[in-house]
Amino acid sequence: MYWEKMGPQNTKATIEAALKRAQELNLNYLVVASSTGRTAENFLNPQNRNNIKVVCVTYHAGFSVPGQTTMPPETKRRLEDGGIKVLTTTHLLAGVDRALKNKFNGIYPAEIIAYTLRILGQGVKVGVEIACMTLDAGLVPYGEDIITIAGSGKGADTALVIRPAHSNYFFETKIKEIICKPREF
């Protein structure tokens, strides 16, 4: 499916398409990017996720404000109390490379990979990134296909079926399907 434009107006339909595909493929894990937790809150009702295990990936502390997370602590608690695991960690395709870029105004390998993935859209880049991050954290099983839901800013507009690899074997990651994404980004 292709959405005409990127943005949060696609969130509900993206989630529905991802859950439908997860059921069709009998997949057990869904990983959702959600900086504030709003997108992940759509999965708080267990009936909305059909027994699929959900992991929410959010920005690392200090992403916007030094020492602070973008997800309010009460939202994180609500998600965790609702059975959703929350991963707050450094982004795979940023980390120290971004520090080098910020300090020396250059571009480095991880940023080149990120920009290459953005050719397919910001949500595709984020979807690949969060899949590998959750695998590295041990929150999804190795060797299984999962669904990722990501977006181009606020909300969600991209869903992928992906088999992530650990970051030290990043190029073994396989995008199996693009369930949906915006045509214009």
N, C-alpha and C. Protein backbone atom coordinates (compact mmCIF):
# COMPACT_ATOMS: atom_id res chain seq x y z
N MET A 1 0.84 -1.17 0.00
CA MET A 1 0.00 0.00 0.00
C MET A 1 0.88 1.23 0.00
N TYR A 2 0.44 2.23 -0.67
CA TYR A 2 1.18 3.48 -0.70
C TYR A 2 0.26 4.60 -0.27
N TRP A 3 0.72 5.39 0.69
CA TRP A 3 -0.03 6.56 1.12
C TRP A 3 0.38 7.72 0.22
N GLU A 4 -0.56 8.57 -0.10
CA GLU A 4 -0.27 9.70 -0.98
C GLU A 4 0.80 10.61 -0.39
N LYS A 5 0.69 10.90 0.89
CA LYS A 5 1.64 11.79 1.56
C LYS A 5 2.08 11.15 2.88
N MET A 6 3.26 11.56 3.35
CA MET A 6 3.74 11.07 4.64
C MET A 6 2.99 11.78 5.76
N GLY A 7 3.01 11.18 6.96
CA GLY A 7 2.47 11.88 8.10
C GLY A 7 1.57 11.06 8.99
N PRO A 8 1.21 11.68 10.13
CA PRO A 8 0.45 10.97 11.17
C PRO A 8 -0.97 10.58 10.76
N GLN A 9 -1.52 11.17 9.71
CA GLN A 9 -2.85 10.79 9.26
C GLN A 9 -2.90 9.34 8.78
N ASN A 10 -1.72 8.74 8.56
CA ASN A 10 -1.63 7.35 8.10
C ASN A 10 -1.47 6.35 9.23
N THR A 11 -1.35 6.83 10.47
CA THR A 11 -1.02 5.95 11.59
C THR A 11 -1.99 4.79 11.73
N LYS A 12 -3.27 5.08 11.81
CA LYS A 12 -4.27 4.03 12.04
C LYS A 12 -4.24 2.98 10.93
N ALA A 13 -4.20 3.42 9.69
CA ALA A 13 -4.19 2.48 8.57
C ALA A 13 -2.89 1.69 8.50
N THR A 14 -1.77 2.32 8.87
CA THR A 14 -0.47 1.63 8.89
C THR A 14 -0.49 0.52 9.94
N ILE A 15 -1.01 0.83 11.11
CA ILE A 15 -1.11 -0.17 12.18
C ILE A 15 -2.01 -1.32 11.77
N GLU A 16 -3.15 -1.01 11.19
CA GLU A 16 -4.07 -2.05 10.74
C GLU A 16 -3.42 -2.95 9.69
N ALA A 17 -2.72 -2.35 8.73
CA ALA A 17 -2.06 -3.13 7.68
C ALA A 17 -0.96 -4.01 8.26
N ALA A 18 -0.20 -3.48 9.21
CA ALA A 18 0.89 -4.24 9.83
C ALA A 18 0.34 -5.42 10.63
N LEU A 19 -0.70 -5.18 11.42
CA LEU A 19 -1.28 -6.27 12.21
C LEU A 19 -1.90 -7.35 11.32
N LYS A 20 -2.55 -6.92 10.27
CA LYS A 20 -3.15 -7.89 9.33
C LYS A 20 -2.06 -8.76 8.71
N ARG A 21 -0.97 -8.13 8.29
CA ARG A 21 0.12 -8.90 7.66
C ARG A 21 0.81 -9.81 8.67
N ALA A 22 0.97 -9.34 9.90
CA ALA A 22 1.57 -10.16 10.95
C ALA A 22 0.74 -11.43 11.16
N GLN A 23 -0.58 -11.29 11.15
CA GLN A 23 -1.46 -12.46 11.32
C GLN A 23 -1.34 -13.39 10.11
N GLU A 24 -1.35 -12.83 8.91
CA GLU A 24 -1.24 -13.65 7.70
C GLU A 24 0.05 -14.47 7.67
N LEU A 25 1.13 -13.87 8.16
CA LEU A 25 2.44 -14.53 8.15
C LEU A 25 2.75 -15.27 9.45
N ASN A 26 1.82 -15.18 10.41
CA ASN A 26 1.99 -15.81 11.71
C ASN A 26 3.26 -15.31 12.42
N LEU A 27 3.46 -14.00 12.40
CA LEU A 27 4.62 -13.39 13.04
C LEU A 27 4.27 -13.02 14.48
N ASN A 28 5.25 -13.09 15.36
CA ASN A 28 5.01 -12.91 16.78
C ASN A 28 5.46 -11.58 17.36
N TYR A 29 6.27 -10.82 16.61
CA TYR A 29 6.85 -9.59 17.15
C TYR A 29 6.60 -8.41 16.23
N LEU A 30 6.27 -7.30 16.88
CA LEU A 30 6.08 -6.04 16.19
C LEU A 30 6.91 -5.00 16.94
N VAL A 31 7.73 -4.24 16.21
CA VAL A 31 8.58 -3.21 16.80
C VAL A 31 8.12 -1.87 16.25
N VAL A 32 7.80 -0.95 17.14
CA VAL A 32 7.26 0.35 16.73
C VAL A 32 8.16 1.47 17.23
N ALA A 33 8.49 2.39 16.32
CA ALA A 33 9.24 3.59 16.70
C ALA A 33 8.25 4.58 17.27
N SER A 34 8.58 5.14 18.43
CA SER A 34 7.68 6.09 19.06
C SER A 34 8.47 6.95 20.04
N SER A 35 8.78 8.16 19.66
CA SER A 35 9.62 9.01 20.50
C SER A 35 8.91 9.45 21.78
N THR A 36 7.62 9.75 21.70
CA THR A 36 6.87 10.20 22.88
C THR A 36 6.00 9.09 23.46
N GLY A 37 5.80 8.02 22.71
CA GLY A 37 4.94 6.92 23.16
C GLY A 37 3.54 6.96 22.57
N ARG A 38 3.17 8.04 21.91
CA ARG A 38 1.81 8.16 21.39
C ARG A 38 1.47 7.07 20.37
N THR A 39 2.38 6.79 19.45
CA THR A 39 2.09 5.75 18.46
C THR A 39 2.01 4.38 19.13
N ALA A 40 2.92 4.12 20.06
CA ALA A 40 2.93 2.82 20.76
C ALA A 40 1.68 2.63 21.60
N GLU A 41 1.07 3.70 22.09
CA GLU A 41 -0.14 3.58 22.92
C GLU A 41 -1.29 2.92 22.16
N ASN A 42 -1.23 2.94 20.84
CA ASN A 42 -2.25 2.26 20.04
C ASN A 42 -2.29 0.76 20.29
N PHE A 43 -1.23 0.22 20.89
CA PHE A 43 -1.13 -1.22 21.14
C PHE A 43 -1.40 -1.59 22.59
N LEU A 44 -1.85 -0.64 23.41
CA LEU A 44 -2.09 -0.94 24.82
C LEU A 44 -3.21 -1.94 25.02
N ASN A 45 -4.21 -1.91 24.20
CA ASN A 45 -5.31 -2.87 24.31
C ASN A 45 -4.84 -4.19 23.68
N PRO A 46 -4.69 -5.26 24.47
CA PRO A 46 -4.20 -6.53 23.94
C PRO A 46 -5.02 -7.05 22.75
N GLN A 47 -6.31 -6.72 22.71
CA GLN A 47 -7.14 -7.16 21.59
C GLN A 47 -6.71 -6.47 20.30
N ASN A 48 -6.12 -5.26 20.42
CA ASN A 48 -5.67 -4.54 19.23
C ASN A 48 -4.40 -5.15 18.65
N ARG A 49 -3.70 -5.98 19.43
CA ARG A 49 -2.44 -6.52 18.92
C ARG A 49 -2.48 -8.03 18.71
N ASN A 50 -3.61 -8.66 18.95
CA ASN A 50 -3.80 -10.07 18.61
C ASN A 50 -2.67 -10.97 19.12
N ASN A 51 -2.30 -10.85 20.38
CA ASN A 51 -1.26 -11.67 21.01
C ASN A 51 0.14 -11.47 20.43
N ILE A 52 0.34 -10.44 19.65
CA ILE A 52 1.67 -10.13 19.13
C ILE A 52 2.44 -9.37 20.21
N LYS A 53 3.68 -9.75 20.42
CA LYS A 53 4.53 -9.05 21.39
C LYS A 53 5.01 -7.76 20.76
N VAL A 54 4.87 -6.66 21.51
CA VAL A 54 5.21 -5.33 20.99
C VAL A 54 6.38 -4.75 21.76
N VAL A 55 7.32 -4.19 21.00
CA VAL A 55 8.45 -3.46 21.57
C VAL A 55 8.39 -2.05 21.00
N CYS A 56 8.53 -1.08 21.88
CA CYS A 56 8.57 0.33 21.47
C CYS A 56 10.02 0.81 21.57
N VAL A 57 10.52 1.41 20.50
CA VAL A 57 11.87 1.97 20.49
C VAL A 57 11.75 3.49 20.47
N THR A 58 12.43 4.11 21.43
CA THR A 58 12.39 5.57 21.54
C THR A 58 13.80 6.14 21.50
N TYR A 59 13.88 7.46 21.40
CA TYR A 59 15.18 8.14 21.35
C TYR A 59 15.97 7.93 22.63
N HIS A 60 17.28 7.98 22.50
CA HIS A 60 18.15 7.90 23.67
C HIS A 60 18.03 9.17 24.51
N ALA A 61 18.35 9.04 25.80
CA ALA A 61 18.36 10.22 26.67
C ALA A 61 19.36 11.22 26.09
N GLY A 62 19.00 12.49 26.12
CA GLY A 62 19.86 13.54 25.59
C GLY A 62 19.66 13.82 24.12
N PHE A 63 18.74 13.13 23.46
CA PHE A 63 18.51 13.35 22.03
C PHE A 63 18.10 14.79 21.76
N SER A 64 17.17 15.30 22.56
CA SER A 64 16.69 16.67 22.40
C SER A 64 17.26 17.60 23.46
N VAL A 65 17.22 17.14 24.71
CA VAL A 65 17.68 17.94 25.85
C VAL A 65 18.64 17.07 26.66
N PRO A 66 19.85 17.58 26.95
CA PRO A 66 20.81 16.76 27.71
C PRO A 66 20.19 16.19 28.99
N GLY A 67 20.38 14.87 29.16
CA GLY A 67 19.92 14.20 30.37
C GLY A 67 18.44 13.86 30.42
N GLN A 68 17.69 14.22 29.38
CA GLN A 68 16.24 13.97 29.40
C GLN A 68 15.83 13.07 28.25
N THR A 69 14.78 12.26 28.50
CA THR A 69 14.21 11.44 27.44
C THR A 69 13.04 12.17 26.82
N THR A 70 12.70 11.79 25.59
CA THR A 70 11.57 12.42 24.91
C THR A 70 10.24 11.80 25.33
N MET A 71 10.30 10.58 25.87
CA MET A 71 9.08 9.91 26.33
C MET A 71 8.88 10.23 27.81
N PRO A 72 7.74 10.80 28.15
CA PRO A 72 7.47 11.08 29.57
C PRO A 72 7.49 9.79 30.39
N PRO A 73 8.05 9.84 31.61
CA PRO A 73 8.13 8.63 32.45
C PRO A 73 6.78 7.95 32.68
N GLU A 74 5.72 8.74 32.81
CA GLU A 74 4.40 8.14 33.05
C GLU A 74 3.91 7.37 31.82
N THR A 75 4.27 7.84 30.62
CA THR A 75 3.92 7.11 29.39
C THR A 75 4.68 5.80 29.32
N LYS A 76 5.97 5.85 29.64
CA LYS A 76 6.78 4.63 29.64
C LYS A 76 6.20 3.60 30.62
N ARG A 77 5.82 4.06 31.81
CA ARG A 77 5.22 3.16 32.80
C ARG A 77 3.92 2.55 32.27
N ARG A 78 3.08 3.40 31.67
CA ARG A 78 1.80 2.92 31.14
C ARG A 78 2.03 1.86 30.05
N LEU A 79 2.99 2.09 29.16
CA LEU A 79 3.29 1.11 28.11
C LEU A 79 3.79 -0.20 28.72
N GLU A 80 4.74 -0.09 29.66
CA GLU A 80 5.29 -1.30 30.28
C GLU A 80 4.24 -2.04 31.09
N ASP A 81 3.39 -1.31 31.79
CA ASP A 81 2.29 -1.94 32.54
C ASP A 81 1.32 -2.64 31.59
N GLY A 82 1.23 -2.15 30.36
CA GLY A 82 0.36 -2.75 29.35
C GLY A 82 1.03 -3.87 28.56
N GLY A 83 2.22 -4.28 29.00
CA GLY A 83 2.89 -5.41 28.35
C GLY A 83 3.76 -5.05 27.17
N ILE A 84 4.02 -3.77 26.96
CA ILE A 84 4.87 -3.32 25.86
C ILE A 84 6.26 -3.02 26.42
N LYS A 85 7.28 -3.67 25.88
CA LYS A 85 8.65 -3.38 26.30
C LYS A 85 9.09 -2.08 25.64
N VAL A 86 9.84 -1.26 26.39
CA VAL A 86 10.31 0.03 25.87
C VAL A 86 11.83 0.00 25.85
N LEU A 87 12.40 0.25 24.68
CA LEU A 87 13.85 0.31 24.50
C LEU A 87 14.26 1.76 24.26
N THR A 88 15.04 2.29 25.19
CA THR A 88 15.59 3.65 25.07
C THR A 88 17.08 3.48 24.90
N THR A 89 17.58 3.76 23.69
CA THR A 89 19.00 3.52 23.43
C THR A 89 19.48 4.37 22.26
N THR A 90 20.79 4.37 22.07
CA THR A 90 21.40 5.10 20.96
C THR A 90 20.94 4.50 19.64
N HIS A 91 20.67 5.35 18.68
CA HIS A 91 20.27 4.88 17.36
C HIS A 91 21.44 4.22 16.65
N LEU A 92 21.15 3.10 16.05
CA LEU A 92 22.16 2.32 15.37
C LEU A 92 22.91 3.13 14.33
N LEU A 93 22.19 3.91 13.53
CA LEU A 93 22.83 4.64 12.43
C LEU A 93 23.16 6.08 12.79
N ALA A 94 23.43 6.32 14.06
CA ALA A 94 23.84 7.66 14.50
C ALA A 94 25.02 7.49 15.44
N GLY A 95 24.75 7.41 16.73
CA GLY A 95 25.80 7.15 17.71
C GLY A 95 27.02 8.03 17.55
N VAL A 96 28.20 7.41 17.60
CA VAL A 96 29.44 8.17 17.55
C VAL A 96 29.67 8.81 16.20
N ASP A 97 29.14 8.23 15.12
CA ASP A 97 29.29 8.88 13.82
C ASP A 97 28.65 10.27 13.83
N ARG A 98 27.52 10.40 14.50
CA ARG A 98 26.87 11.71 14.57
C ARG A 98 27.71 12.69 15.39
N ALA A 99 28.37 12.19 16.42
CA ALA A 99 29.26 13.05 17.20
C ALA A 99 30.41 13.57 16.33
N LEU A 100 30.95 12.69 15.48
CA LEU A 100 32.01 13.12 14.56
C LEU A 100 31.48 14.15 13.57
N LYS A 101 30.29 13.92 13.05
CA LYS A 101 29.67 14.88 12.12
C LYS A 101 29.46 16.23 12.80
N ASN A 102 28.92 16.19 14.02
CA ASN A 102 28.67 17.44 14.75
C ASN A 102 29.96 18.18 15.07
N LYS A 103 31.02 17.46 15.36
CA LYS A 103 32.29 18.07 15.75
C LYS A 103 33.11 18.53 14.55
N PHE A 104 33.17 17.67 13.51
CA PHE A 104 34.10 17.92 12.41
C PHE A 104 33.42 18.20 11.06
N ASN A 105 32.08 18.26 11.06
CA ASN A 105 31.31 18.61 9.85
C ASN A 105 31.56 17.67 8.67
N GLY A 106 31.77 16.40 8.95
CA GLY A 106 31.97 15.43 7.87
C GLY A 106 30.81 14.47 7.79
N ILE A 107 30.94 13.48 6.95
CA ILE A 107 29.95 12.41 6.88
C ILE A 107 30.71 11.09 7.00
N TYR A 108 30.11 10.17 7.71
CA TYR A 108 30.79 8.94 8.09
C TYR A 108 29.94 7.74 7.71
N PRO A 109 30.52 6.53 7.74
CA PRO A 109 29.83 5.35 7.18
C PRO A 109 28.39 5.14 7.64
N ALA A 110 28.11 5.23 8.92
CA ALA A 110 26.73 4.98 9.37
C ALA A 110 25.76 6.01 8.78
N GLU A 111 26.20 7.25 8.64
CA GLU A 111 25.34 8.28 8.04
C GLU A 111 25.12 8.00 6.56
N ILE A 112 26.13 7.48 5.88
CA ILE A 112 25.97 7.13 4.47
C ILE A 112 24.93 6.01 4.33
N ILE A 113 24.98 5.02 5.21
CA ILE A 113 23.99 3.94 5.20
C ILE A 113 22.59 4.52 5.45
N ALA A 114 22.49 5.41 6.44
CA ALA A 114 21.19 6.02 6.76
C ALA A 114 20.64 6.80 5.56
N TYR A 115 21.47 7.60 4.93
CA TYR A 115 21.00 8.37 3.77
C TYR A 115 20.63 7.46 2.60
N THR A 116 21.33 6.36 2.45
CA THR A 116 20.99 5.41 1.39
C THR A 116 19.62 4.79 1.65
N LEU A 117 19.36 4.38 2.90
CA LEU A 117 18.04 3.82 3.22
C LEU A 117 16.93 4.86 3.06
N ARG A 118 17.24 6.13 3.30
CA ARG A 118 16.23 7.19 3.15
C ARG A 118 15.78 7.37 1.71
N ILE A 119 16.51 6.81 0.76
CA ILE A 119 16.07 6.85 -0.64
C ILE A 119 14.68 6.23 -0.74
N LEU A 120 14.41 5.23 0.12
CA LEU A 120 13.09 4.59 0.15
C LEU A 120 12.14 5.27 1.12
N GLY A 121 12.62 6.25 1.86
CA GLY A 121 11.80 7.00 2.80
C GLY A 121 12.35 6.92 4.21
N GLN A 122 12.07 7.94 5.00
CA GLN A 122 12.53 8.00 6.39
C GLN A 122 12.01 6.82 7.20
N GLY A 123 10.78 6.42 6.96
CA GLY A 123 10.20 5.30 7.71
C GLY A 123 10.91 3.99 7.43
N VAL A 124 11.37 3.78 6.20
CA VAL A 124 12.12 2.57 5.87
C VAL A 124 13.44 2.57 6.62
N LYS A 125 14.14 3.69 6.63
CA LYS A 125 15.40 3.80 7.36
C LYS A 125 15.18 3.50 8.84
N VAL A 126 14.17 4.12 9.44
CA VAL A 126 13.90 3.91 10.86
C VAL A 126 13.48 2.46 11.12
N GLY A 127 12.67 1.89 10.25
CA GLY A 127 12.23 0.51 10.42
C GLY A 127 13.38 -0.48 10.45
N VAL A 128 14.34 -0.30 9.56
CA VAL A 128 15.53 -1.16 9.54
C VAL A 128 16.33 -0.95 10.81
N GLU A 129 16.52 0.29 11.18
CA GLU A 129 17.32 0.64 12.35
C GLU A 129 16.75 0.04 13.63
N ILE A 130 15.45 0.21 13.87
CA ILE A 130 14.86 -0.27 15.11
C ILE A 130 14.81 -1.79 15.16
N ALA A 131 14.70 -2.44 13.99
CA ALA A 131 14.73 -3.90 13.97
C ALA A 131 16.07 -4.42 14.51
N CYS A 132 17.15 -3.85 14.03
CA CYS A 132 18.49 -4.28 14.47
C CYS A 132 18.74 -3.89 15.93
N MET A 133 18.26 -2.73 16.33
CA MET A 133 18.45 -2.28 17.72
C MET A 133 17.76 -3.23 18.70
N THR A 134 16.54 -3.65 18.37
CA THR A 134 15.82 -4.55 19.29
C THR A 134 16.44 -5.94 19.30
N LEU A 135 16.97 -6.37 18.16
CA LEU A 135 17.67 -7.65 18.14
C LEU A 135 18.93 -7.57 19.00
N ASP A 136 19.70 -6.50 18.85
CA ASP A 136 20.90 -6.31 19.68
C ASP A 136 20.57 -6.29 21.17
N ALA A 137 19.40 -5.76 21.51
CA ALA A 137 18.99 -5.68 22.92
C ALA A 137 18.39 -6.99 23.43
N GLY A 138 18.23 -7.97 22.54
CA GLY A 138 17.65 -9.25 22.95
C GLY A 138 16.15 -9.22 23.14
N LEU A 139 15.48 -8.24 22.54
CA LEU A 139 14.04 -8.09 22.73
C LEU A 139 13.21 -8.75 21.63
N VAL A 140 13.86 -9.17 20.56
CA VAL A 140 13.22 -9.98 19.52
C VAL A 140 14.16 -11.14 19.25
N PRO A 141 13.61 -12.28 18.81
CA PRO A 141 14.47 -13.46 18.61
C PRO A 141 15.31 -13.37 17.33
N TYR A 142 16.49 -13.93 17.41
CA TYR A 142 17.38 -14.01 16.26
C TYR A 142 16.81 -14.98 15.23
N GLY A 143 16.93 -14.63 13.96
CA GLY A 143 16.55 -15.53 12.88
C GLY A 143 15.08 -15.56 12.54
N GLU A 144 14.29 -14.66 13.13
CA GLU A 144 12.84 -14.61 12.83
C GLU A 144 12.49 -13.31 12.12
N ASP A 145 11.51 -13.39 11.24
CA ASP A 145 10.95 -12.19 10.64
C ASP A 145 10.11 -11.47 11.68
N ILE A 146 10.15 -10.16 11.63
CA ILE A 146 9.33 -9.32 12.50
C ILE A 146 8.69 -8.24 11.64
N ILE A 147 7.78 -7.50 12.24
CA ILE A 147 7.17 -6.33 11.59
C ILE A 147 7.71 -5.10 12.30
N THR A 148 8.08 -4.08 11.52
CA THR A 148 8.42 -2.79 12.12
C THR A 148 7.44 -1.74 11.62
N ILE A 149 7.14 -0.80 12.51
CA ILE A 149 6.28 0.33 12.17
C ILE A 149 7.06 1.59 12.52
N ALA A 150 7.16 2.48 11.56
CA ALA A 150 7.92 3.71 11.77
C ALA A 150 7.24 4.84 10.99
N GLY A 151 7.83 6.01 11.07
CA GLY A 151 7.22 7.15 10.40
C GLY A 151 8.23 8.14 9.89
N SER A 152 7.69 9.23 9.42
CA SER A 152 8.49 10.30 8.83
C SER A 152 8.36 11.55 9.68
N GLY A 153 8.44 11.39 10.97
CA GLY A 153 8.25 12.51 11.90
C GLY A 153 7.28 12.07 12.97
N LYS A 154 6.08 12.60 12.95
CA LYS A 154 5.06 12.22 13.92
C LYS A 154 4.20 11.11 13.33
N GLY A 155 3.72 10.23 14.23
CA GLY A 155 2.85 9.15 13.78
C GLY A 155 3.60 8.09 13.00
N ALA A 156 2.86 7.23 12.34
CA ALA A 156 3.45 6.12 11.59
C ALA A 156 2.89 6.09 10.18
N ASP A 157 3.77 5.85 9.21
CA ASP A 157 3.32 5.75 7.82
C ASP A 157 4.05 4.66 7.04
N THR A 158 4.87 3.87 7.74
CA THR A 158 5.66 2.84 7.07
C THR A 158 5.64 1.56 7.91
N ALA A 159 5.42 0.43 7.25
CA ALA A 159 5.50 -0.87 7.92
C ALA A 159 6.28 -1.82 7.03
N LEU A 160 7.16 -2.60 7.67
CA LEU A 160 8.02 -3.53 6.94
C LEU A 160 7.94 -4.92 7.57
N VAL A 161 8.13 -5.94 6.75
CA VAL A 161 8.45 -7.27 7.24
C VAL A 161 9.95 -7.38 7.05
N ILE A 162 10.66 -7.68 8.12
CA ILE A 162 12.12 -7.62 8.09
C ILE A 162 12.71 -8.74 8.93
N ARG A 163 13.83 -9.25 8.49
CA ARG A 163 14.61 -10.18 9.31
C ARG A 163 15.88 -9.43 9.70
N PRO A 164 15.92 -8.95 10.95
CA PRO A 164 17.07 -8.15 11.36
C PRO A 164 18.31 -9.01 11.62
N ALA A 165 19.44 -8.38 11.46
CA ALA A 165 20.72 -8.96 11.86
C ALA A 165 21.28 -8.11 12.99
N HIS A 166 22.16 -8.71 13.77
CA HIS A 166 22.84 -7.93 14.80
C HIS A 166 23.68 -6.85 14.12
N SER A 167 23.91 -5.75 14.84
CA SER A 167 24.60 -4.62 14.24
C SER A 167 25.98 -4.98 13.71
N ASN A 168 26.66 -5.94 14.33
CA ASN A 168 27.98 -6.32 13.84
C ASN A 168 27.90 -7.14 12.55
N TYR A 169 26.67 -7.52 12.15
CA TYR A 169 26.43 -8.18 10.86
C TYR A 169 25.31 -7.46 10.11
N PHE A 170 25.27 -6.15 10.25
CA PHE A 170 24.17 -5.32 9.74
C PHE A 170 23.76 -5.67 8.30
N PHE A 171 24.72 -5.93 7.43
CA PHE A 171 24.40 -6.14 6.01
C PHE A 171 23.75 -7.49 5.74
N GLU A 172 23.55 -8.29 6.77
CA GLU A 172 22.78 -9.53 6.65
C GLU A 172 21.29 -9.26 6.87
N THR A 173 20.92 -8.06 7.27
CA THR A 173 19.52 -7.67 7.47
C THR A 173 18.78 -7.77 6.13
N LYS A 174 17.58 -8.28 6.17
CA LYS A 174 16.79 -8.45 4.95
C LYS A 174 15.41 -7.81 5.10
N ILE A 175 15.10 -6.87 4.24
CA ILE A 175 13.74 -6.33 4.15
C ILE A 175 12.97 -7.31 3.27
N LYS A 176 12.03 -8.03 3.87
CA LYS A 176 11.28 -9.04 3.13
C LYS A 176 10.11 -8.42 2.36
N GLU A 177 9.45 -7.44 3.00
CA GLU A 177 8.30 -6.79 2.36
C GLU A 177 8.19 -5.36 2.85
N ILE A 178 7.74 -4.50 1.98
CA ILE A 178 7.29 -3.17 2.38
C ILE A 178 5.77 -3.26 2.36
N ILE A 179 5.18 -3.28 3.55
CA ILE A 179 3.72 -3.40 3.67
C ILE A 179 3.06 -2.11 3.20
N CYS A 180 3.61 -0.99 3.69
CA CYS A 180 3.08 0.31 3.28
C CYS A 180 4.14 1.37 3.52
N LYS A 181 4.02 2.46 2.76
CA LYS A 181 4.91 3.60 2.90
C LYS A 181 4.32 4.76 2.10
N PRO A 182 4.74 5.97 2.42
CA PRO A 182 4.24 7.10 1.63
C PRO A 182 4.91 7.18 0.25
N ARG A 183 4.16 7.61 -0.75
CA ARG A 183 4.72 7.82 -2.09
C ARG A 183 5.54 9.11 -2.12
N GLU A 184 5.05 10.11 -1.42
CA GLU A 184 5.74 11.39 -1.36
C GLU A 184 6.38 11.54 0.01
N PHE A 185 7.66 11.83 0.04
CA PHE A 185 8.34 12.02 1.33
C PHE A 185 9.44 13.04 1.18
